[in-house]
């Protein structure tokens, strides 16, 4: 069974495939980036690397994450490191996955980022693909 990192975003329990997670951290100072995609909170230094900080709520089409939130899931996508902000981190567990039921597209992007679901103590958790939360260059140029 696959291993997942359990987190919370905007009151929704989510699970990230552990294979996509480099580490979890509390990030320090964030430096804003002019004209960046609205989901990019800015840049931060982490272990002598520059990391792009992504406001995961904004990536999902929601209200921005509060400025004091510093808990992040670090992922590497296409050779770049990203700190994906989350409201809270819980635990890591193995789960049997289920496919997502077909739903009509909504204004938010939950359905585009979700790859399935798992159940933890009867509570459904969306499996979010971290790569789908990273702003894409084509979207940034639009």
Protein backbone atom coordinates (compact mmCIF):
# COMPACT_ATOMS: atom_id res chain seq x y z
CA UNK A 1 0.00 0.00 0.00
CA UNK A 2 1.26 3.50 -0.79
CA UNK A 3 2.50 5.84 1.95
CA UNK A 4 0.87 9.29 2.34
CA UNK A 5 1.56 12.49 4.27
CA UNK A 6 -1.66 13.78 5.84
CA UNK A 7 -2.27 17.53 5.98
CA UNK A 8 -5.06 20.09 6.20
CA UNK A 9 -5.78 22.89 3.73
CA UNK A 10 -8.71 25.25 4.32
CA UNK A 11 -10.35 22.79 6.69
CA UNK A 12 -10.13 19.91 4.20
CA UNK A 13 -8.11 16.83 5.07
CA UNK A 14 -5.71 15.96 2.27
CA UNK A 15 -3.08 13.33 1.57
CA UNK A 16 0.11 13.75 -0.45
CA UNK A 17 1.88 10.75 -1.96
CA UNK A 18 5.08 10.41 0.08
CA UNK A 19 7.05 9.86 -3.14
CA UNK A 20 6.35 13.53 -4.02
CA UNK A 21 7.45 14.85 -0.61
CA UNK A 22 11.09 15.82 -0.09
CA UNK A 23 10.60 17.06 3.49
CA UNK A 24 8.33 19.10 5.76
CA UNK A 25 9.56 22.34 7.29
CA UNK A 26 8.63 25.60 8.95
CA UNK A 27 9.94 28.23 6.56
CA UNK A 28 11.47 31.56 7.51
CA UNK A 29 11.34 34.92 5.80
CA UNK A 30 9.61 35.06 2.43
CA UNK A 31 10.71 37.62 -0.18
CA UNK A 32 7.98 38.70 -2.60
CA UNK A 33 8.51 38.26 -6.34
CA UNK A 34 7.14 41.07 -8.53
CA UNK A 35 4.70 40.02 -11.27
CA UNK A 36 4.69 36.38 -10.13
CA UNK A 37 1.65 34.17 -10.44
CA UNK A 38 -0.84 34.99 -7.63
CA UNK A 39 -0.23 31.56 -6.09
CA UNK A 40 3.49 32.33 -5.63
CA UNK A 41 3.93 33.84 -2.17
CA UNK A 42 7.63 34.50 -2.88
CA UNK A 43 11.07 32.99 -2.37
CA UNK A 44 12.80 31.70 0.74
CA UNK A 45 16.17 30.16 1.56
CA UNK A 46 16.20 26.56 2.71
CA UNK A 47 19.38 24.56 3.26
CA UNK A 48 21.40 26.91 1.04
CA UNK A 49 18.80 26.66 -1.75
CA UNK A 50 16.35 29.18 -3.08
CA UNK A 51 12.85 27.71 -2.83
CA UNK A 52 9.64 29.05 -4.41
CA UNK A 53 6.90 29.36 -1.79
CA UNK A 54 3.48 28.44 -3.17
CA UNK A 55 0.27 29.47 -1.44
CA UNK A 56 -1.54 26.16 -1.84
CA UNK A 57 -4.92 27.73 -1.08
CA UNK A 58 -4.45 30.17 -3.97
CA UNK A 59 -3.42 27.28 -6.23
CA UNK A 60 -6.77 25.71 -5.38
CA UNK A 61 -8.68 28.92 -6.19
CA UNK A 62 -9.38 29.74 -2.53
CA UNK A 63 -8.73 32.74 -0.30
CA UNK A 64 -5.01 33.24 0.45
CA UNK A 65 -3.30 31.49 3.32
CA UNK A 66 -2.82 33.69 6.40
CA UNK A 67 0.57 35.46 6.38
CA UNK A 68 1.67 33.82 9.65
CA UNK A 69 1.36 30.26 8.23
CA UNK A 70 4.87 28.86 7.75
CA UNK A 71 4.36 25.09 7.69
CA UNK A 72 5.23 23.69 4.26
CA UNK A 73 5.68 20.51 2.31
CA UNK A 74 8.82 20.62 0.19
CA UNK A 75 8.56 19.02 -3.23
CA UNK A 76 10.85 18.93 -6.23
CA UNK A 77 9.24 19.35 -9.65
CA UNK A 78 11.21 19.57 -12.90
CA UNK A 79 14.45 20.19 -10.99
CA UNK A 80 13.06 23.06 -8.88
CA UNK A 81 12.15 23.05 -5.20
CA UNK A 82 8.80 24.34 -3.98
CA UNK A 83 7.51 24.96 -0.46
CA UNK A 84 3.79 24.22 -0.56
CA UNK A 85 2.08 26.00 2.35
CA UNK A 86 -0.39 23.96 4.40
CA UNK A 87 -2.48 24.87 7.44
CA UNK A 88 -1.38 21.82 9.41
CA UNK A 89 0.48 18.54 9.08
CA UNK A 90 -0.72 15.43 10.83
CA UNK A 91 1.00 12.11 10.22
CA UNK A 92 2.16 9.62 7.61
CA UNK A 93 0.17 6.47 6.96
CA UNK A 94 -0.40 3.80 4.38
CA UNK A 95 -3.80 3.66 2.70
CA UNK A 96 -5.66 1.77 0.06
CA UNK A 97 -6.59 4.37 -2.55
CA UNK A 98 -9.90 4.89 -4.31
CA UNK A 99 -10.57 6.70 -7.54
CA UNK A 100 -12.36 10.02 -7.49
CA UNK A 101 -16.07 10.00 -8.33
CA UNK A 102 -16.91 12.01 -11.42
CA UNK A 103 -17.99 15.51 -10.46
CA UNK A 104 -18.89 18.58 -12.46
CA UNK A 105 -16.06 21.13 -12.75
CA UNK A 106 -16.21 23.91 -10.18
CA UNK A 107 -14.70 27.38 -9.99
CA UNK A 108 -12.01 26.14 -7.61
CA UNK A 109 -9.31 23.71 -8.68
CA UNK A 110 -9.77 20.93 -6.13
CA UNK A 111 -11.01 18.52 -8.78
CA UNK A 112 -8.06 19.25 -11.10
CA UNK A 113 -5.50 18.66 -8.33
CA UNK A 114 -7.14 15.57 -6.82
CA UNK A 115 -5.90 12.15 -7.91
CA UNK A 116 -8.18 10.06 -5.75
CA UNK A 117 -9.20 9.66 -2.16
CA UNK A 118 -8.49 7.65 0.95
CA UNK A 119 -10.48 7.19 4.12
CA UNK A 120 -9.01 7.73 7.57
CA UNK A 121 -11.26 6.77 10.47
CA UNK A 122 -14.25 7.18 8.16
CA UNK A 123 -13.16 10.68 7.06
CA UNK A 124 -12.50 11.15 3.32
CA UNK A 125 -9.14 12.70 2.45
CA UNK A 126 -8.41 13.98 -1.04
CA UNK A 127 -5.16 12.79 -2.56
CA UNK A 128 -3.62 15.93 -4.03
CA UNK A 129 -0.92 15.79 -6.69
CA UNK A 130 1.73 18.35 -5.66
CA UNK A 131 2.82 18.77 -9.30
CA UNK A 132 -0.68 20.01 -10.18
CA UNK A 133 -0.46 22.71 -7.49
CA UNK A 134 2.77 24.21 -8.84
CA UNK A 135 2.12 27.22 -11.11
CA UNK A 136 2.89 26.31 -14.71
CA UNK A 137 4.94 28.63 -16.94
CA UNK A 138 2.17 28.84 -19.56
CA UNK A 139 -0.31 29.96 -16.90
CA UNK A 140 2.17 32.53 -15.59
CA UNK A 141 2.64 34.05 -19.06
CA UNK A 142 -1.10 34.27 -19.76
